[in-house]
Amino acid sequence: MLVKIHKLNKQSIVAICDEELVGKIFEEGNLILDVKKSFYDGDKRSDVEIGDLMRNADQINVVGKRSVNLALEEELISEEDIKYVNGIPHVQIILIHD
């Protein structure tokens, strides 16, 4: 899986993606999922590293079966939160930290 961290003011947006999906566009009806290299193409990280990044992020964008399954394992989302575009799972998560 690939991870790219974007900083915006004091907020962090973590983009996580299955490597083989980067640079691809998926369409279904009027839905478009654009897995842009500029947003998702980052560093390869282990599941443990990605889990830590997820828990400490402010926002998380996740694309792909392996990546979304990790968010499920980390209990950051439930099955009902997952959206699909042409069979590709995607989820956006906003975390509120105390």
PDB file of N, CA and C in Angstrom:
ATOM      1  N   MET A   1       0.833  -1.176   0.000  1.00  0.00           N
ATOM      2  CA  MET A   1       0.000   0.000   0.000  1.00  0.00           C
ATOM      3  C   MET A   1       0.880   1.242   0.000  1.00  0.00           C
ATOM      4  N   LEU A   2       0.368   2.286  -0.596  1.00  0.00           N
ATOM      5  CA  LEU A   2       1.078   3.557  -0.656  1.00  0.00           C
ATOM      6  C   LEU A   2       0.398   4.572   0.250  1.00  0.00           C
ATOM      7  N   VAL A   3       1.215   5.423   0.849  1.00  0.00           N
ATOM      8  CA  VAL A   3       0.706   6.467   1.737  1.00  0.00           C
ATOM      9  C   VAL A   3       1.341   7.793   1.356  1.00  0.00           C
ATOM     10  N   LYS A   4       0.516   8.822   1.273  1.00  0.00           N
ATOM     11  CA  LYS A   4       1.017  10.175   1.071  1.00  0.00           C
ATOM     12  C   LYS A   4       0.336  11.069   2.097  1.00  0.00           C
ATOM     13  N   ILE A   5       1.150  11.852   2.811  1.00  0.00           N
ATOM     14  CA  ILE A   5       0.622  12.741   3.841  1.00  0.00           C
ATOM     15  C   ILE A   5       0.608  14.162   3.304  1.00  0.00           C
ATOM     16  N   HIS A   6      -0.560  14.772   3.364  1.00  0.00           N
ATOM     17  CA  HIS A   6      -0.728  16.159   2.940  1.00  0.00           C
ATOM     18  C   HIS A   6      -0.969  16.998   4.190  1.00  0.00           C
ATOM     19  N   LYS A   7      -0.282  18.119   4.289  1.00  0.00           N
ATOM     20  CA  LYS A   7      -0.467  19.033   5.422  1.00  0.00           C
ATOM     21  C   LYS A   7      -1.212  20.264   4.938  1.00  0.00           C
ATOM     22  N   LEU A   8      -2.240  20.646   5.675  1.00  0.00           N
ATOM     23  CA  LEU A   8      -3.014  21.837   5.359  1.00  0.00           C
ATOM     24  C   LEU A   8      -3.237  22.568   6.667  1.00  0.00           C
ATOM     25  N   ASN A   9      -2.566  23.708   6.810  1.00  0.00           N
ATOM     26  CA  ASN A   9      -2.544  24.422   8.085  1.00  0.00           C
ATOM     27  C   ASN A   9      -2.022  23.461   9.148  1.00  0.00           C
ATOM     28  N   LYS A  10      -2.782  23.187  10.182  1.00  0.00           N
ATOM     29  CA  LYS A  10      -2.339  22.250  11.213  1.00  0.00           C
ATOM     30  C   LYS A  10      -3.007  20.883  11.067  1.00  0.00           C
ATOM     31  N   GLN A  11      -3.698  20.685   9.971  1.00  0.00           N
ATOM     32  CA  GLN A  11      -4.420  19.440   9.719  1.00  0.00           C
ATOM     33  C   GLN A  11      -3.596  18.516   8.824  1.00  0.00           C
ATOM     34  N   SER A  12      -3.756  17.218   9.030  1.00  0.00           N
ATOM     35  CA  SER A  12      -3.104  16.252   8.147  1.00  0.00           C
ATOM     36  C   SER A  12      -4.166  15.430   7.423  1.00  0.00           C
ATOM     37  N   ILE A  13      -3.963  15.301   6.128  1.00  0.00           N
ATOM     38  CA  ILE A  13      -4.808  14.453   5.301  1.00  0.00           C
ATOM     39  C   ILE A  13      -3.924  13.307   4.840  1.00  0.00           C
ATOM     40  N   VAL A  14      -4.321  12.085   5.173  1.00  0.00           N
ATOM     41  CA  VAL A  14      -3.537  10.914   4.811  1.00  0.00           C
ATOM     42  C   VAL A  14      -4.252  10.202   3.668  1.00  0.00           C
ATOM     43  N   ALA A  15      -3.554  10.041   2.549  1.00  0.00           N
ATOM     44  CA  ALA A  15      -4.083   9.342   1.383  1.00  0.00           C
ATOM     45  C   ALA A  15      -3.452   7.953   1.342  1.00  0.00           C
ATOM     46  N   ILE A  16      -4.294   6.924   1.334  1.00  0.00           N
ATOM     47  CA  ILE A  16      -3.832   5.537   1.356  1.00  0.00           C
ATOM     48  C   ILE A  16      -4.472   4.811   0.182  1.00  0.00           C
ATOM     49  N   CYS A  17      -3.652   4.055  -0.540  1.00  0.00           N
ATOM     50  CA  CYS A  17      -4.142   3.450  -1.770  1.00  0.00           C
ATOM     51  C   CYS A  17      -3.423   2.136  -2.055  1.00  0.00           C
ATOM     52  N   ASP A  18      -4.151   1.177  -2.605  1.00  0.00           N
ATOM     53  CA  ASP A  18      -3.515  -0.019  -3.136  1.00  0.00           C
ATOM     54  C   ASP A  18      -2.660   0.425  -4.325  1.00  0.00           C
ATOM     55  N   GLU A  19      -1.424  -0.005  -4.332  1.00  0.00           N
ATOM     56  CA  GLU A  19      -0.432   0.504  -5.286  1.00  0.00           C
ATOM     57  C   GLU A  19      -0.865   0.400  -6.747  1.00  0.00           C
ATOM     58  N   GLU A  20      -1.522  -0.691  -7.112  1.00  0.00           N
ATOM     59  CA  GLU A  20      -1.868  -0.914  -8.520  1.00  0.00           C
ATOM     60  C   GLU A  20      -2.978   0.007  -9.024  1.00  0.00           C
ATOM     61  N   LEU A  21      -3.613   0.764  -8.134  1.00  0.00           N
ATOM     62  CA  LEU A  21      -4.716   1.644  -8.534  1.00  0.00           C
ATOM     63  C   LEU A  21      -4.280   3.076  -8.833  1.00  0.00           C
ATOM     64  N   VAL A  22      -3.072   3.439  -8.427  1.00  0.00           N
ATOM     65  CA  VAL A  22      -2.602   4.816  -8.596  1.00  0.00           C
ATOM     66  C   VAL A  22      -2.565   5.191 -10.076  1.00  0.00           C
ATOM     67  N   GLY A  23      -3.125   6.357 -10.368  1.00  0.00           N
ATOM     68  CA  GLY A  23      -3.127   6.870 -11.731  1.00  0.00           C
ATOM     69  C   GLY A  23      -4.316   6.410 -12.561  1.00  0.00           C
ATOM     70  N   LYS A  24      -5.195   5.612 -11.990  1.00  0.00           N
ATOM     71  CA  LYS A  24      -6.342   5.096 -12.737  1.00  0.00           C
ATOM     72  C   LYS A  24      -7.608   5.894 -12.420  1.00  0.00           C
ATOM     73  N   ILE A  25      -8.536   5.846 -13.350  1.00  0.00           N
ATOM     74  CA  ILE A  25      -9.842   6.483 -13.188  1.00  0.00           C
ATOM     75  C   ILE A  25     -10.910   5.400 -13.330  1.00  0.00           C
ATOM     76  N   PHE A  26     -11.841   5.373 -12.382  1.00  0.00           N
ATOM     77  CA  PHE A  26     -12.930   4.403 -12.398  1.00  0.00           C
ATOM     78  C   PHE A  26     -14.244   5.161 -12.515  1.00  0.00           C
ATOM     79  N   GLU A  27     -15.127   4.652 -13.375  1.00  0.00           N
ATOM     80  CA  GLU A  27     -16.414   5.306 -13.595  1.00  0.00           C
ATOM     81  C   GLU A  27     -17.546   4.301 -13.472  1.00  0.00           C
ATOM     82  N   GLU A  28     -18.650   4.781 -12.934  1.00  0.00           N
ATOM     83  CA  GLU A  28     -19.863   3.967 -12.841  1.00  0.00           C
ATOM     84  C   GLU A  28     -21.043   4.926 -12.819  1.00  0.00           C
ATOM     85  N   GLY A  29     -21.815   4.916 -13.888  1.00  0.00           N
ATOM     86  CA  GLY A  29     -22.917   5.873 -13.996  1.00  0.00           C
ATOM     87  C   GLY A  29     -22.366   7.281 -13.965  1.00  0.00           C
ATOM     88  N   ASN A  30     -22.878   8.106 -13.045  1.00  0.00           N
ATOM     89  CA  ASN A  30     -22.380   9.483 -12.947  1.00  0.00           C
ATOM     90  C   ASN A  30     -21.284   9.632 -11.889  1.00  0.00           C
ATOM     91  N   LEU A  31     -20.781   8.512 -11.351  1.00  0.00           N
ATOM     92  CA  LEU A  31     -19.711   8.548 -10.348  1.00  0.00           C
ATOM     93  C   LEU A  31     -18.345   8.378 -10.998  1.00  0.00           C
ATOM     94  N   ILE A  32     -17.384   9.154 -10.530  1.00  0.00           N
ATOM     95  CA  ILE A  32     -16.001   9.054 -11.009  1.00  0.00           C
ATOM     96  C   ILE A  32     -15.085   8.992  -9.800  1.00  0.00           C
ATOM     97  N   LEU A  33     -14.195   7.996  -9.784  1.00  0.00           N
ATOM     98  CA  LEU A  33     -13.164   7.873  -8.757  1.00  0.00           C
ATOM     99  C   LEU A  33     -11.824   8.023  -9.461  1.00  0.00           C
ATOM    100  N   ASP A  34     -11.193   9.174  -9.271  1.00  0.00           N
ATOM    101  CA  ASP A  34      -9.921   9.504  -9.925  1.00  0.00           C
ATOM    102  C   ASP A  34      -8.804   9.342  -8.898  1.00  0.00           C
ATOM    103  N   VAL A  35      -8.015   8.296  -9.042  1.00  0.00           N
ATOM    104  CA  VAL A  35      -6.935   7.992  -8.099  1.00  0.00           C
ATOM    105  C   VAL A  35      -5.670   8.692  -8.609  1.00  0.00           C
ATOM    106  N   LYS A  36      -5.651  10.002  -8.450  1.00  0.00           N
ATOM    107  CA  LYS A  36      -4.586  10.842  -9.005  1.00  0.00           C
ATOM    108  C   LYS A  36      -3.230  10.541  -8.378  1.00  0.00           C
ATOM    109  N   LYS A  37      -2.213  10.462  -9.242  1.00  0.00           N
ATOM    110  CA  LYS A  37      -0.845  10.268  -8.752  1.00  0.00           C
ATOM    111  C   LYS A  37      -0.448  11.385  -7.805  1.00  0.00           C
ATOM    112  N   SER A  38      -0.830  12.603  -8.131  1.00  0.00           N
ATOM    113  CA  SER A  38      -0.415  13.749  -7.317  1.00  0.00           C
ATOM    114  C   SER A  38      -0.965  13.679  -5.895  1.00  0.00           C
ATOM    115  N   PHE A  39      -2.058  12.963  -5.692  1.00  0.00           N
ATOM    116  CA  PHE A  39      -2.662  12.873  -4.361  1.00  0.00           C
ATOM    117  C   PHE A  39      -2.299  11.574  -3.640  1.00  0.00           C
ATOM    118  N   TYR A  40      -2.237  10.464  -4.363  1.00  0.00           N
ATOM    119  CA  TYR A  40      -2.074   9.153  -3.725  1.00  0.00           C
ATOM    120  C   TYR A  40      -0.683   8.534  -3.849  1.00  0.00           C
ATOM    121  N   ASP A  41       0.131   8.956  -4.802  1.00  0.00           N
ATOM    122  CA  ASP A  41       1.411   8.278  -5.042  1.00  0.00           C
ATOM    123  C   ASP A  41       2.440   8.702  -4.004  1.00  0.00           C
ATOM    124  N   GLY A  42       2.609   7.883  -2.987  1.00  0.00           N
ATOM    125  CA  GLY A  42       3.528   8.186  -1.895  1.00  0.00           C
ATOM    126  C   GLY A  42       4.483   7.046  -1.644  1.00  0.00           C
ATOM    127  N   ASP A  43       4.749   6.804  -0.371  1.00  0.00           N
ATOM    128  CA  ASP A  43       5.717   5.792   0.044  1.00  0.00           C
ATOM    129  C   ASP A  43       5.023   4.488   0.402  1.00  0.00           C
ATOM    130  N   LYS A  44       5.716   3.380   0.118  1.00  0.00           N
ATOM    131  CA  LYS A  44       5.230   2.080   0.578  1.00  0.00           C
ATOM    132  C   LYS A  44       5.445   2.011   2.084  1.00  0.00           C
ATOM    133  N   ARG A  45       4.425   1.571   2.795  1.00  0.00           N
ATOM    134  CA  ARG A  45       4.498   1.455   4.253  1.00  0.00           C
ATOM    135  C   ARG A  45       3.895   0.126   4.686  1.00  0.00           C
ATOM    136  N   SER A  46       4.286  -0.324   5.869  1.00  0.00           N
ATOM    137  CA  SER A  46       3.732  -1.560   6.430  1.00  0.00           C
ATOM    138  C   SER A  46       2.339  -1.293   6.988  1.00  0.00           C
ATOM    139  N   ASP A  47       1.595  -2.362   7.224  1.00  0.00           N
ATOM    140  CA  ASP A  47       0.264  -2.230   7.824  1.00  0.00           C
ATOM    141  C   ASP A  47       0.337  -1.535   9.179  1.00  0.00           C
ATOM    142  N   VAL A  48       1.353  -1.863   9.969  1.00  0.00           N
ATOM    143  CA  VAL A  48       1.503  -1.259  11.299  1.00  0.00           C
ATOM    144  C   VAL A  48       1.728   0.244  11.175  1.00  0.00           C
ATOM    145  N   GLU A  49       2.621   0.652  10.265  1.00  0.00           N
ATOM    146  CA  GLU A  49       2.890   2.082  10.063  1.00  0.00           C
ATOM    147  C   GLU A  49       1.636   2.809   9.583  1.00  0.00           C
ATOM    148  N   ILE A  50       0.934   2.194   8.644  1.00  0.00           N
ATOM    149  CA  ILE A  50      -0.268   2.827   8.099  1.00  0.00           C
ATOM    150  C   ILE A  50      -1.350   2.934   9.171  1.00  0.00           C
ATOM    151  N   GLY A  51      -1.494   1.905   9.988  1.00  0.00           N
ATOM    152  CA  GLY A  51      -2.462   1.952  11.086  1.00  0.00           C
ATOM    153  C   GLY A  51      -2.182   3.106  12.025  1.00  0.00           C
ATOM    154  N   ASP A  52      -0.907   3.317  12.369  1.00  0.00           N
ATOM    155  CA  ASP A  52      -0.528   4.440  13.234  1.00  0.00           C
ATOM    156  C   ASP A  52      -0.863   5.775  12.575  1.00  0.00           C
ATOM    157  N   LEU A  53      -0.546   5.897  11.288  1.00  0.00           N
ATOM    158  CA  LEU A  53      -0.847   7.138  10.572  1.00  0.00           C
ATOM    159  C   LEU A  53      -2.350   7.395  10.525  1.00  0.00           C
ATOM    160  N   MET A  54      -3.118   6.348  10.301  1.00  0.00           N
ATOM    161  CA  MET A  54      -4.581   6.492  10.251  1.00  0.00           C
ATOM    162  C   MET A  54      -5.128   7.025  11.573  1.00  0.00           C
ATOM    163  N   ARG A  55      -4.700   6.428  12.661  1.00  0.00           N
ATOM    164  CA  ARG A  55      -5.238   6.811  13.972  1.00  0.00           C
ATOM    165  C   ARG A  55      -4.877   8.240  14.364  1.00  0.00           C
ATOM    166  N   ASN A  56      -3.795   8.770  13.804  1.00  0.00           N
ATOM    167  CA  ASN A  56      -3.343  10.110  14.182  1.00  0.00           C
ATOM    168  C   ASN A  56      -3.684  11.186  13.159  1.00  0.00           C
ATOM    169  N   ALA A  57      -4.320  10.801  12.066  1.00  0.00           N
ATOM    170  CA  ALA A  57      -4.671  11.759  11.012  1.00  0.00           C
ATOM    171  C   ALA A  57      -5.931  12.532  11.387  1.00  0.00           C
ATOM    172  N   ASP A  58      -6.130  13.639  10.704  1.00  0.00           N
ATOM    173  CA  ASP A  58      -7.370  14.399  10.839  1.00  0.00           C
ATOM    174  C   ASP A  58      -8.388  13.949   9.792  1.00  0.00           C
ATOM    175  N   GLN A  59      -7.889  13.684   8.588  1.00  0.00           N
ATOM    176  CA  GLN A  59      -8.726  13.178   7.503  1.00  0.00           C
ATOM    177  C   GLN A  59      -7.968  12.058   6.812  1.00  0.00           C
ATOM    178  N   ILE A  60      -8.723  11.071   6.321  1.00  0.00           N
ATOM    179  CA  ILE A  60      -8.108   9.943   5.631  1.00  0.00           C
ATOM    180  C   ILE A  60      -8.926   9.644   4.382  1.00  0.00           C
ATOM    181  N   ASN A  61      -8.256   9.510   3.254  1.00  0.00           N
ATOM    182  CA  ASN A  61      -8.874   9.043   2.017  1.00  0.00           C
ATOM    183  C   ASN A  61      -8.266   7.683   1.718  1.00  0.00           C
ATOM    184  N   VAL A  62      -9.112   6.681   1.521  1.00  0.00           N
ATOM    185  CA  VAL A  62      -8.642   5.309   1.353  1.00  0.00           C
ATOM    186  C   VAL A  62      -9.269   4.714   0.097  1.00  0.00           C
ATOM    187  N   VAL A  63      -8.415   4.104  -0.760  1.00  0.00           N
ATOM    188  CA  VAL A  63      -8.897   3.487  -1.996  1.00  0.00           C
ATOM    189  C   VAL A  63      -8.263   2.106  -2.157  1.00  0.00           C
ATOM    190  N   GLY A  64      -9.099   1.125  -2.462  1.00  0.00           N
ATOM    191  CA  GLY A  64      -8.613  -0.220  -2.755  1.00  0.00           C
ATOM    192  C   GLY A  64      -8.970  -1.220  -1.667  1.00  0.00           C
ATOM    193  N   LYS A  65      -9.056  -2.484  -2.060  1.00  0.00           N
ATOM    194  CA  LYS A  65      -9.500  -3.528  -1.138  1.00  0.00           C
ATOM    195  C   LYS A  65      -8.586  -3.679   0.070  1.00  0.00           C
ATOM    196  N   ARG A  66      -7.286  -3.783  -0.159  1.00  0.00           N
ATOM    197  CA  ARG A  66      -6.361  -3.977   0.968  1.00  0.00           C
ATOM    198  C   ARG A  66      -6.368  -2.770   1.897  1.00  0.00           C
ATOM    199  N   SER A  67      -6.347  -1.589   1.315  1.00  0.00           N
ATOM    200  CA  SER A  67      -6.311  -0.363   2.114  1.00  0.00           C
ATOM    201  C   SER A  67      -7.589  -0.191   2.928  1.00  0.00           C
ATOM    202  N   VAL A  68      -8.735  -0.407   2.310  1.00  0.00           N
ATOM    203  CA  VAL A  68     -10.012  -0.276   3.009  1.00  0.00           C
ATOM    204  C   VAL A  68     -10.139  -1.352   4.090  1.00  0.00           C
ATOM    205  N   ASN A  69      -9.675  -2.570   3.799  1.00  0.00           N
ATOM    206  CA  ASN A  69      -9.715  -3.626   4.815  1.00  0.00           C
ATOM    207  C   ASN A  69      -8.891  -3.256   6.039  1.00  0.00           C
ATOM    208  N   LEU A  70      -7.779  -2.566   5.840  1.00  0.00           N
ATOM    209  CA  LEU A  70      -6.971  -2.130   6.979  1.00  0.00           C
ATOM    210  C   LEU A  70      -7.750  -1.120   7.828  1.00  0.00           C
ATOM    211  N   ALA A  71      -8.467  -0.212   7.189  1.00  0.00           N
ATOM    212  CA  ALA A  71      -9.294   0.745   7.939  1.00  0.00           C
ATOM    213  C   ALA A  71     -10.374   0.012   8.737  1.00  0.00           C
ATOM    214  N   LEU A  72     -10.914  -1.069   8.176  1.00  0.00           N
ATOM    215  CA  LEU A  72     -11.883  -1.896   8.905  1.00  0.00           C
ATOM    216  C   LEU A  72     -11.223  -2.569  10.107  1.00  0.00           C
ATOM    217  N   GLU A  73     -10.040  -3.148   9.890  1.00  0.00           N
ATOM    218  CA  GLU A  73      -9.307  -3.817  10.969  1.00  0.00           C
ATOM    219  C   GLU A  73      -8.960  -2.851  12.097  1.00  0.00           C
ATOM    220  N   GLU A  74      -8.670  -1.610  11.739  1.00  0.00           N
ATOM    221  CA  GLU A  74      -8.335  -0.587  12.737  1.00  0.00           C
ATOM    222  C   GLU A  74      -9.587  -0.037  13.426  1.00  0.00           C
ATOM    223  N   GLU A  75     -10.755  -0.514  12.993  1.00  0.00           N
ATOM    224  CA  GLU A  75     -12.048  -0.109  13.542  1.00  0.00           C
ATOM    225  C   GLU A  75     -12.318   1.386  13.392  1.00  0.00           C
ATOM    226  N   LEU A  76     -11.841   1.943  12.277  1.00  0.00           N
ATOM    227  CA  LEU A  76     -12.095   3.347  11.967  1.00  0.00           C
ATOM    228  C   LEU A  76     -13.370   3.517  11.146  1.00  0.00           C
ATOM    229  N   ILE A  77     -13.806   2.428  10.515  1.00  0.00           N
ATOM    230  CA  ILE A  77     -15.004   2.446   9.683  1.00  0.00           C
ATOM    231  C   ILE A  77     -15.780   1.149   9.890  1.00  0.00           C
ATOM    232  N   SER A  78     -17.004   1.131   9.362  1.00  0.00           N
ATOM    233  CA  SER A  78     -17.789  -0.101   9.298  1.00  0.00           C
ATOM    234  C   SER A  78     -18.092  -0.373   7.821  1.00  0.00           C
ATOM    235  N   GLU A  79     -18.577  -1.546   7.544  1.00  0.00           N
ATOM    236  CA  GLU A  79     -18.893  -1.929   6.156  1.00  0.00           C
ATOM    237  C   GLU A  79     -19.827  -0.914   5.493  1.00  0.00           C
ATOM    238  N   GLU A  80     -20.746  -0.347   6.270  1.00  0.00           N
ATOM    239  CA  GLU A  80     -21.735   0.587   5.726  1.00  0.00           C
ATOM    240  C   GLU A  80     -21.108   1.895   5.247  1.00  0.00           C
ATOM    241  N   ASP A  81     -19.907   2.202   5.712  1.00  0.00           N
ATOM    242  CA  ASP A  81     -19.235   3.444   5.332  1.00  0.00           C
ATOM    243  C   ASP A  81     -18.576   3.368   3.955  1.00  0.00           C
ATOM    244  N   ILE A  82     -18.389   2.168   3.449  1.00  0.00           N
ATOM    245  CA  ILE A  82     -17.630   1.961   2.215  1.00  0.00           C
ATOM    246  C   ILE A  82     -18.508   2.230   0.997  1.00  0.00           C
ATOM    247  N   LYS A  83     -17.985   3.034   0.082  1.00  0.00           N
ATOM    248  CA  LYS A  83     -18.639   3.296  -1.202  1.00  0.00           C
ATOM    249  C   LYS A  83     -17.850   2.551  -2.281  1.00  0.00           C
ATOM    250  N   TYR A  84     -18.534   2.174  -3.351  1.00  0.00           N
ATOM    251  CA  TYR A  84     -17.891   1.449  -4.442  1.00  0.00           C
ATOM    252  C   TYR A  84     -18.133   2.180  -5.754  1.00  0.00           C
ATOM    253  N   VAL A  85     -17.086   2.273  -6.554  1.00  0.00           N
ATOM    254  CA  VAL A  85     -17.198   2.800  -7.910  1.00  0.00           C
ATOM    255  C   VAL A  85     -16.583   1.750  -8.824  1.00  0.00           C
ATOM    256  N   ASN A  86     -17.409   1.148  -9.654  1.00  0.00           N
ATOM    257  CA  ASN A  86     -16.978   0.087 -10.559  1.00  0.00           C
ATOM    258  C   ASN A  86     -16.241  -1.024  -9.798  1.00  0.00           C
ATOM    259  N   GLY A  87     -16.749  -1.355  -8.609  1.00  0.00           N
ATOM    260  CA  GLY A  87     -16.184  -2.439  -7.807  1.00  0.00           C
ATOM    261  C   GLY A  87     -14.994  -2.066  -6.942  1.00  0.00           C
ATOM    262  N   ILE A  88     -14.530  -0.821  -7.042  1.00  0.00           N
ATOM    263  CA  ILE A  88     -13.373  -0.369  -6.264  1.00  0.00           C
ATOM    264  C   ILE A  88     -13.872   0.303  -4.985  1.00  0.00           C
ATOM    265  N   PRO A  89     -13.474  -0.224  -3.812  1.00  0.00           N
ATOM    266  CA  PRO A  89     -13.917   0.389  -2.556  1.00  0.00           C
ATOM    267  C   PRO A  89     -13.167   1.681  -2.253  1.00  0.00           C
ATOM    268  N   HIS A  90     -13.896   2.622  -1.664  1.00  0.00           N
ATOM    269  CA  HIS A  90     -13.340   3.932  -1.320  1.00  0.00           C
ATOM    270  C   HIS A  90     -14.039   4.425  -0.066  1.00  0.00           C
ATOM    271  N   VAL A  91     -13.290   5.056   0.805  1.00  0.00           N
ATOM    272  CA  VAL A  91     -13.893   5.635   1.998  1.00  0.00           C
ATOM    273  C   VAL A  91     -13.142   6.902   2.380  1.00  0.00           C
ATOM    274  N   GLN A  92     -13.891   7.872   2.881  1.00  0.00           N
ATOM    275  CA  GLN A  92     -13.302   9.094   3.426  1.00  0.00           C
ATOM    276  C   GLN A  92     -13.644   9.142   4.905  1.00  0.00           C
ATOM    277  N   ILE A  93     -12.640   9.445   5.719  1.00  0.00           N
ATOM    278  CA  ILE A  93     -12.800   9.428   7.169  1.00  0.00           C
ATOM    279  C   ILE A  93     -12.351  10.771   7.727  1.00  0.00           C
ATOM    280  N   ILE A  94     -13.142  11.328   8.620  1.00  0.00           N
ATOM    281  CA  ILE A  94     -12.749  12.532   9.356  1.00  0.00           C
ATOM    282  C   ILE A  94     -12.717  12.154  10.827  1.00  0.00           C
ATOM    283  N   LEU A  95     -11.580  12.380  11.467  1.00  0.00           N
ATOM    284  CA  LEU A  95     -11.411  12.043  12.881  1.00  0.00           C
ATOM    285  C   LEU A  95     -11.392  13.315  13.717  1.00  0.00           C
ATOM    286  N   ILE A  96     -12.076  13.284  14.836  1.00  0.00           N
ATOM    287  CA  ILE A  96     -12.076  14.394  15.785  1.00  0.00           C
ATOM    288  C   ILE A  96     -11.210  13.967  16.963  1.00  0.00           C
ATOM    289  N   HIS A  97     -10.122  14.684  17.188  1.00  0.00           N
ATOM    290  CA  HIS A  97      -9.214  14.361  18.292  1.00  0.00           C
ATOM    291  C   HIS A  97      -9.474  15.310  19.453  1.00  0.00           C
ATOM    292  N   ASP A  98      -9.438  14.766  20.655  1.00  0.00           N
ATOM    293  CA  ASP A  98      -9.606  15.604  21.854  1.00  0.00           C
ATOM    294  C   ASP A  98      -8.336  16.353  22.176  1.00  0.00           C
TER     295      ASP A  98
END
